[in-house]
Protein backbone atom coordinates (compact mmCIF):
# COMPACT_ATOMS: atom_id res chain seq x y z
CA MET A 1 80.03 87.63 103.64
CA ASN A 2 77.17 90.02 104.61
CA SER A 3 78.43 90.42 108.12
CA GLY A 4 81.94 91.33 107.01
CA PHE A 5 80.48 94.03 104.61
CA LEU A 6 78.20 95.38 107.44
CA GLU A 7 81.10 95.49 109.94
CA GLY A 8 83.01 97.61 107.49
CA ASP A 9 85.67 95.16 106.49
CA GLY A 10 87.58 95.61 103.25
CA GLY A 11 86.84 93.69 100.12
CA TYR A 12 89.85 91.55 100.62
CA VAL A 13 87.94 89.67 103.37
CA GLY A 14 85.22 88.54 100.93
CA SER A 15 87.85 87.61 98.35
CA ARG A 16 89.63 85.43 100.90
CA LEU A 17 86.37 83.78 102.03
CA LEU A 18 85.52 82.90 98.42
CA ALA A 19 88.98 81.53 97.81
CA ALA A 20 88.74 79.50 100.93
CA LEU A 21 85.41 78.02 100.02
CA SER A 22 86.50 77.15 96.51
CA TYR A 23 89.56 75.43 97.99
CA ILE A 24 87.72 73.43 100.52
CA ARG A 25 84.68 72.65 98.24
CA PRO A 26 85.88 72.72 94.60
CA GLU A 27 82.50 71.50 93.35
CA LEU A 28 81.21 74.98 94.33
CA GLY A 29 83.07 76.63 91.47
CA ARG A 30 81.06 74.99 88.69
CA PRO A 31 79.70 77.46 86.12
CA CYS A 32 76.13 76.29 86.80
CA ASP A 33 76.27 77.18 90.50
CA MET A 34 74.35 80.40 90.82
CA ALA A 35 75.04 80.91 94.52
CA VAL A 36 78.81 81.35 93.83
CA HIS A 37 78.00 83.47 90.80
CA ARG A 38 75.85 85.92 93.01
CA ALA A 39 78.57 85.81 95.68
CA LYS A 40 81.17 86.90 93.16
CA GLN A 41 78.90 89.78 91.91
CA ALA A 42 78.40 90.84 95.60
CA LEU A 43 82.19 90.89 96.00
CA ARG A 44 82.64 93.13 93.00
CA GLY A 45 80.15 95.60 94.49
CA TRP A 46 81.82 95.31 97.87
CA LYS A 47 85.21 96.12 96.40
CA ARG A 48 83.64 99.26 94.69
CA LEU A 49 81.94 100.50 97.84
CA ALA A 50 84.97 99.76 100.05
CA PRO A 51 88.15 100.17 97.97
CA GLY A 52 91.43 99.17 99.29
CA PHE A 53 93.96 101.73 100.50
CA SER A 54 97.75 101.94 100.56
CA ARG A 55 99.95 102.34 103.53
CA LEU A 56 101.87 105.49 104.33
CA PRO A 57 105.59 105.11 103.83
CA LEU A 58 107.96 104.76 106.79
CA PRO A 59 109.08 108.19 108.15
CA TRP A 60 112.63 109.10 107.12
CA GLU A 61 113.77 109.00 110.74
CA VAL A 62 112.83 105.33 111.04
CA VAL A 63 114.71 104.58 107.79
CA ALA A 64 117.76 106.45 108.80
CA GLY A 65 117.71 104.79 112.25
CA THR A 66 117.62 101.37 110.82
CA ALA A 67 120.45 102.23 108.46
CA MET A 68 122.45 103.53 111.35
CA LEU A 69 121.92 100.26 113.20
CA MET A 70 123.04 98.29 110.11
CA LEU A 71 126.14 100.55 110.01
CA SER A 72 126.95 99.85 113.58
CA GLU A 73 126.81 96.13 112.86
CA ARG A 74 129.13 96.78 109.77
CA LEU A 75 126.43 95.84 107.31
CA TRP A 76 127.51 98.59 104.88
CA VAL A 77 125.87 97.11 101.70
CA GLU A 78 122.59 96.32 103.43
CA ALA A 79 122.39 99.85 104.86
CA MET A 80 123.18 101.41 101.44
CA GLY A 81 120.60 99.07 99.79
CA GLU A 82 117.98 100.08 102.26
CA LEU A 83 118.62 103.85 101.72
CA ILE A 84 118.67 103.63 97.97
CA SER A 85 115.51 101.55 97.87
CA VAL A 86 113.65 104.07 100.01
CA ILE A 87 115.05 107.12 98.16
CA PHE A 88 114.04 105.73 94.68
CA TYR A 89 110.67 104.30 95.74
C-alpha cells in the first residue's frame, strides 16, 4: 500500500487492495486486528491527499458522429436516445 501511495496512484488502488485481502483472508477483518484497522486509517488519509477526479465529457463532435453512424444503420431510436442523454446530462 505504501508503494502505491508513493508512486502517486489514486486512493482506489488501496481500496481495491484491502477489498482483495479481506476476500482472500476473511479472518483479517476481525475487529481486534489492529493491522487492518491501521491500513483503513491510512487509506482514509490517502484518499484525502489524492482525491479522485472525474473524466471530461465526450466532445460534441464525437457524440454527433456516433449518432450519425447509428442513423446510417437505421437505428433511429438509439441515436435519439444517445443525443437526449448527452444533452440532458
